[in-house]
Amino acid sequence: MTLSEMIDECIADSEKWFDSPDLVHHALGMCGEAGEVANIVKKIDRGDFNLAETGSELKKEVADTFIYLLNIAGIIGMDLEKEYRDKRAFNDVRFTHNGKKAKHG
C-alpha cells in the first residue's frame, strides 16, 4: 500500500468515524499521541520500563501518531511521498558539509 492509498484510507475512516476530516482535530490528536510516545520513551529512559516491556504500547502510540499525520496530509492535499523526497534532498545538502556530517548543536 502506498502512502497516498493510506492517506485516502485514513480520510475515509475519519469521514466514517468523525463525520468529516477536521484539521484542528487531527493536529491536536497528533500532538497528543506524540506526547504519549514521548512519555513512554521518558519512562524507558529513566528506567521505569525497558523497551521489551513496553514496546507493543509504544508501537501503538507511534501508529496513532502516524494515522493523524496521514489525515493531516490528506486534509491539506499533500503529496507526502514527494514532500518527503524533497525535504530529504534539502536536508542532505543542509546537514552535509564537504562530505562530512554536520555536528549537532
N, C-alpha and C. Protein backbone atom coordinates (compact mmCIF):
# COMPACT_ATOMS: atom_id res chain seq x y z
N MET A 1 0.85 -1.17 0.00
CA MET A 1 0.00 0.00 0.00
C MET A 1 0.90 1.24 0.00
N THR A 2 0.61 2.19 -0.85
CA THR A 2 1.39 3.42 -0.92
C THR A 2 0.92 4.41 0.15
N LEU A 3 1.73 5.42 0.40
CA LEU A 3 1.31 6.46 1.34
C LEU A 3 0.04 7.15 0.86
N SER A 4 -0.06 7.38 -0.44
CA SER A 4 -1.27 8.02 -0.99
C SER A 4 -2.51 7.17 -0.71
N GLU A 5 -2.38 5.87 -0.86
CA GLU A 5 -3.51 4.98 -0.56
C GLU A 5 -3.83 4.98 0.93
N MET A 6 -2.79 5.03 1.76
CA MET A 6 -3.01 5.09 3.20
C MET A 6 -3.72 6.39 3.59
N ILE A 7 -3.32 7.50 2.96
CA ILE A 7 -3.98 8.78 3.21
C ILE A 7 -5.46 8.69 2.86
N ASP A 8 -5.76 8.16 1.68
CA ASP A 8 -7.15 8.02 1.25
C ASP A 8 -7.94 7.15 2.24
N GLU A 9 -7.33 6.08 2.69
CA GLU A 9 -7.98 5.19 3.65
C GLU A 9 -8.24 5.91 4.98
N CYS A 10 -7.26 6.67 5.45
CA CYS A 10 -7.43 7.40 6.71
C CYS A 10 -8.51 8.47 6.60
N ILE A 11 -8.55 9.18 5.47
CA ILE A 11 -9.59 10.20 5.28
C ILE A 11 -10.96 9.53 5.27
N ALA A 12 -11.09 8.40 4.58
CA ALA A 12 -12.37 7.69 4.56
C ALA A 12 -12.77 7.24 5.96
N ASP A 13 -11.81 6.74 6.73
CA ASP A 13 -12.10 6.34 8.11
C ASP A 13 -12.56 7.55 8.93
N SER A 14 -11.89 8.69 8.76
CA SER A 14 -12.27 9.89 9.50
C SER A 14 -13.68 10.34 9.17
N GLU A 15 -14.02 10.26 7.90
CA GLU A 15 -15.37 10.63 7.49
C GLU A 15 -16.40 9.68 8.10
N LYS A 16 -16.04 8.40 8.18
CA LYS A 16 -16.94 7.40 8.75
C LYS A 16 -17.05 7.57 10.27
N TRP A 17 -15.92 7.82 10.94
CA TRP A 17 -15.91 7.85 12.40
C TRP A 17 -16.21 9.22 13.00
N PHE A 18 -15.82 10.30 12.28
CA PHE A 18 -15.93 11.65 12.85
C PHE A 18 -16.78 12.58 12.00
N ASP A 19 -17.51 12.08 11.04
CA ASP A 19 -18.37 12.84 10.14
C ASP A 19 -17.60 13.59 9.05
N SER A 20 -16.50 14.23 9.40
CA SER A 20 -15.71 14.92 8.39
C SER A 20 -14.28 15.07 8.88
N PRO A 21 -13.34 15.09 7.95
CA PRO A 21 -11.95 15.29 8.37
C PRO A 21 -11.78 16.75 8.82
N ASP A 22 -11.26 16.94 10.00
CA ASP A 22 -11.10 18.26 10.57
C ASP A 22 -9.63 18.47 10.92
N LEU A 23 -9.03 19.52 10.35
CA LEU A 23 -7.61 19.78 10.54
C LEU A 23 -7.26 19.97 12.01
N VAL A 24 -8.05 20.74 12.74
CA VAL A 24 -7.76 21.00 14.14
C VAL A 24 -7.80 19.71 14.95
N HIS A 25 -8.83 18.91 14.75
CA HIS A 25 -8.95 17.63 15.47
C HIS A 25 -7.71 16.77 15.25
N HIS A 26 -7.30 16.65 14.00
CA HIS A 26 -6.17 15.76 13.69
C HIS A 26 -4.84 16.36 14.13
N ALA A 27 -4.66 17.66 14.04
CA ALA A 27 -3.41 18.28 14.50
C ALA A 27 -3.26 18.12 16.01
N LEU A 28 -4.33 18.40 16.74
CA LEU A 28 -4.27 18.26 18.19
C LEU A 28 -4.15 16.79 18.60
N GLY A 29 -4.85 15.91 17.88
CA GLY A 29 -4.74 14.48 18.16
C GLY A 29 -3.33 13.98 17.95
N MET A 30 -2.68 14.44 16.86
CA MET A 30 -1.31 14.01 16.58
C MET A 30 -0.37 14.48 17.70
N CYS A 31 -0.55 15.72 18.15
CA CYS A 31 0.29 16.23 19.24
C CYS A 31 0.10 15.41 20.51
N GLY A 32 -1.15 15.06 20.80
CA GLY A 32 -1.42 14.24 21.98
C GLY A 32 -0.78 12.87 21.89
N GLU A 33 -0.88 12.26 20.73
CA GLU A 33 -0.28 10.93 20.55
C GLU A 33 1.25 11.01 20.59
N ALA A 34 1.82 12.06 20.00
CA ALA A 34 3.28 12.23 20.05
C ALA A 34 3.72 12.43 21.50
N GLY A 35 2.89 13.11 22.28
CA GLY A 35 3.19 13.26 23.70
C GLY A 35 3.18 11.92 24.42
N GLU A 36 2.27 11.05 24.03
CA GLU A 36 2.23 9.71 24.64
C GLU A 36 3.47 8.90 24.26
N VAL A 37 3.93 9.05 23.01
CA VAL A 37 5.19 8.41 22.60
C VAL A 37 6.33 8.92 23.47
N ALA A 38 6.42 10.24 23.60
CA ALA A 38 7.49 10.84 24.39
C ALA A 38 7.42 10.39 25.85
N ASN A 39 6.23 10.27 26.40
CA ASN A 39 6.09 9.85 27.79
C ASN A 39 6.59 8.43 28.00
N ILE A 40 6.28 7.54 27.08
CA ILE A 40 6.79 6.16 27.19
C ILE A 40 8.30 6.15 27.08
N VAL A 41 8.84 6.90 26.12
CA VAL A 41 10.30 6.95 25.95
C VAL A 41 10.96 7.54 27.20
N LYS A 42 10.35 8.56 27.79
CA LYS A 42 10.86 9.15 29.03
C LYS A 42 10.93 8.10 30.13
N LYS A 43 9.88 7.29 30.25
CA LYS A 43 9.85 6.26 31.29
C LYS A 43 10.87 5.16 31.03
N ILE A 44 11.11 4.85 29.76
CA ILE A 44 12.17 3.89 29.42
C ILE A 44 13.52 4.49 29.81
N ASP A 45 13.72 5.76 29.46
CA ASP A 45 14.99 6.42 29.73
C ASP A 45 15.31 6.50 31.22
N ARG A 46 14.31 6.75 32.03
CA ARG A 46 14.58 6.86 33.47
C ARG A 46 14.57 5.51 34.18
N GLY A 47 14.28 4.43 33.44
CA GLY A 47 14.41 3.09 34.00
C GLY A 47 13.14 2.49 34.56
N ASP A 48 12.00 3.15 34.38
CA ASP A 48 10.74 2.59 34.87
C ASP A 48 10.37 1.31 34.13
N PHE A 49 10.68 1.28 32.84
CA PHE A 49 10.38 0.14 31.98
C PHE A 49 11.57 -0.04 31.04
N ASN A 50 11.57 -1.17 30.37
CA ASN A 50 12.52 -1.32 29.26
C ASN A 50 11.71 -1.49 27.99
N LEU A 51 12.37 -1.39 26.87
CA LEU A 51 11.68 -1.45 25.59
C LEU A 51 10.93 -2.76 25.40
N ALA A 52 11.50 -3.85 25.89
CA ALA A 52 10.83 -5.15 25.76
C ALA A 52 9.50 -5.16 26.51
N GLU A 53 9.43 -4.48 27.65
CA GLU A 53 8.21 -4.46 28.46
C GLU A 53 7.12 -3.58 27.87
N THR A 54 7.51 -2.51 27.23
CA THR A 54 6.53 -1.52 26.77
C THR A 54 6.54 -1.30 25.27
N GLY A 55 7.30 -2.14 24.56
CA GLY A 55 7.43 -1.97 23.11
C GLY A 55 6.12 -2.03 22.35
N SER A 56 5.22 -2.90 22.73
CA SER A 56 3.96 -3.00 21.98
C SER A 56 3.10 -1.76 22.20
N GLU A 57 3.11 -1.21 23.41
CA GLU A 57 2.36 0.02 23.67
C GLU A 57 2.98 1.19 22.91
N LEU A 58 4.30 1.26 22.88
CA LEU A 58 4.99 2.31 22.13
C LEU A 58 4.65 2.22 20.65
N LYS A 59 4.62 1.03 20.10
CA LYS A 59 4.27 0.86 18.69
C LYS A 59 2.86 1.36 18.40
N LYS A 60 1.93 1.08 19.31
CA LYS A 60 0.54 1.55 19.12
C LYS A 60 0.48 3.07 19.11
N GLU A 61 1.23 3.72 19.99
CA GLU A 61 1.22 5.18 20.05
C GLU A 61 1.88 5.79 18.81
N VAL A 62 2.94 5.16 18.33
CA VAL A 62 3.59 5.63 17.09
C VAL A 62 2.61 5.48 15.93
N ALA A 63 1.89 4.37 15.87
CA ALA A 63 0.91 4.17 14.81
C ALA A 63 -0.21 5.21 14.89
N ASP A 64 -0.68 5.51 16.10
CA ASP A 64 -1.70 6.55 16.26
C ASP A 64 -1.20 7.89 15.73
N THR A 65 0.04 8.23 16.07
CA THR A 65 0.63 9.48 15.60
C THR A 65 0.69 9.51 14.08
N PHE A 66 1.08 8.41 13.48
CA PHE A 66 1.20 8.29 12.03
C PHE A 66 -0.17 8.43 11.35
N ILE A 67 -1.18 7.84 11.93
CA ILE A 67 -2.53 7.94 11.37
C ILE A 67 -3.00 9.39 11.35
N TYR A 68 -2.77 10.10 12.45
CA TYR A 68 -3.14 11.52 12.46
C TYR A 68 -2.35 12.30 11.41
N LEU A 69 -1.06 11.99 11.26
CA LEU A 69 -0.25 12.65 10.25
C LEU A 69 -0.79 12.39 8.84
N LEU A 70 -1.15 11.16 8.56
CA LEU A 70 -1.72 10.83 7.25
C LEU A 70 -3.01 11.61 7.01
N ASN A 71 -3.84 11.73 8.03
CA ASN A 71 -5.07 12.51 7.89
C ASN A 71 -4.77 13.97 7.59
N ILE A 72 -3.81 14.55 8.29
CA ILE A 72 -3.44 15.94 8.04
C ILE A 72 -2.95 16.10 6.60
N ALA A 73 -2.11 15.19 6.14
CA ALA A 73 -1.62 15.25 4.76
C ALA A 73 -2.78 15.21 3.78
N GLY A 74 -3.76 14.36 4.04
CA GLY A 74 -4.92 14.27 3.16
C GLY A 74 -5.78 15.53 3.19
N ILE A 75 -5.97 16.08 4.36
CA ILE A 75 -6.80 17.28 4.50
C ILE A 75 -6.18 18.46 3.74
N ILE A 76 -4.86 18.59 3.80
CA ILE A 76 -4.21 19.73 3.15
C ILE A 76 -3.81 19.44 1.71
N GLY A 77 -4.16 18.23 1.22
CA GLY A 77 -3.86 17.88 -0.17
C GLY A 77 -2.37 17.71 -0.44
N MET A 78 -1.68 17.14 0.50
CA MET A 78 -0.23 16.99 0.43
C MET A 78 0.16 15.66 -0.20
N ASP A 79 1.11 15.72 -1.12
CA ASP A 79 1.72 14.51 -1.65
C ASP A 79 2.87 14.19 -0.70
N LEU A 80 2.60 13.38 0.30
CA LEU A 80 3.55 13.11 1.37
C LEU A 80 4.83 12.47 0.86
N GLU A 81 4.71 11.60 -0.13
CA GLU A 81 5.91 10.97 -0.68
C GLU A 81 6.82 11.99 -1.36
N LYS A 82 6.24 12.89 -2.15
CA LYS A 82 7.02 13.93 -2.82
C LYS A 82 7.65 14.87 -1.81
N GLU A 83 6.86 15.31 -0.84
CA GLU A 83 7.39 16.24 0.16
C GLU A 83 8.51 15.58 0.98
N TYR A 84 8.37 14.29 1.26
CA TYR A 84 9.43 13.56 1.96
C TYR A 84 10.72 13.58 1.13
N ARG A 85 10.61 13.24 -0.14
CA ARG A 85 11.80 13.21 -1.01
C ARG A 85 12.43 14.60 -1.11
N ASP A 86 11.59 15.63 -1.29
CA ASP A 86 12.11 17.00 -1.39
C ASP A 86 12.81 17.42 -0.11
N LYS A 87 12.20 17.14 1.03
CA LYS A 87 12.78 17.54 2.31
C LYS A 87 14.06 16.76 2.60
N ARG A 88 14.08 15.49 2.23
CA ARG A 88 15.28 14.67 2.42
C ARG A 88 16.44 15.21 1.60
N ALA A 89 16.17 15.59 0.35
CA ALA A 89 17.22 16.17 -0.51
C ALA A 89 17.72 17.49 0.09
N PHE A 90 16.80 18.32 0.57
CA PHE A 90 17.16 19.58 1.20
C PHE A 90 18.05 19.34 2.42
N ASN A 91 17.64 18.40 3.28
CA ASN A 91 18.40 18.10 4.49
C ASN A 91 19.76 17.50 4.18
N ASP A 92 19.85 16.74 3.09
CA ASP A 92 21.13 16.16 2.71
C ASP A 92 22.14 17.27 2.42
N VAL A 93 21.69 18.32 1.76
CA VAL A 93 22.57 19.47 1.50
C VAL A 93 22.81 20.25 2.79
N ARG A 94 21.76 20.48 3.53
CA ARG A 94 21.84 21.30 4.74
C ARG A 94 22.76 20.69 5.80
N PHE A 95 22.69 19.40 5.99
CA PHE A 95 23.41 18.76 7.08
C PHE A 95 24.69 18.05 6.66
N THR A 96 25.08 18.18 5.42
CA THR A 96 26.33 17.60 4.95
C THR A 96 27.21 18.73 4.44
N HIS A 97 28.40 18.84 5.00
CA HIS A 97 29.33 19.90 4.60
C HIS A 97 30.64 19.26 4.15
N ASN A 98 30.98 19.48 2.88
CA ASN A 98 32.21 18.92 2.33
C ASN A 98 32.32 17.42 2.54
N GLY A 99 31.19 16.73 2.37
CA GLY A 99 31.18 15.28 2.51
C GLY A 99 31.17 14.79 3.94
N LYS A 100 31.07 15.69 4.91
CA LYS A 100 31.08 15.30 6.34
C LYS A 100 29.72 15.62 6.96
N LYS A 101 29.35 14.81 7.94
CA LYS A 101 28.11 15.07 8.67
C LYS A 101 28.26 16.36 9.47
N ALA A 102 27.16 17.11 9.55
CA ALA A 102 27.16 18.31 10.38
C ALA A 102 27.16 17.91 11.85
N LYS A 103 27.76 18.75 12.67
CA LYS A 103 27.78 18.50 14.11
C LYS A 103 26.45 18.90 14.72
N HIS A 104 26.05 18.17 15.77
CA HIS A 104 24.83 18.51 16.50
C HIS A 104 25.07 19.78 17.30
N GLY A 105 23.97 20.52 17.53
CA GLY A 105 24.07 21.66 18.41
C GLY A 105 23.93 22.89 17.64
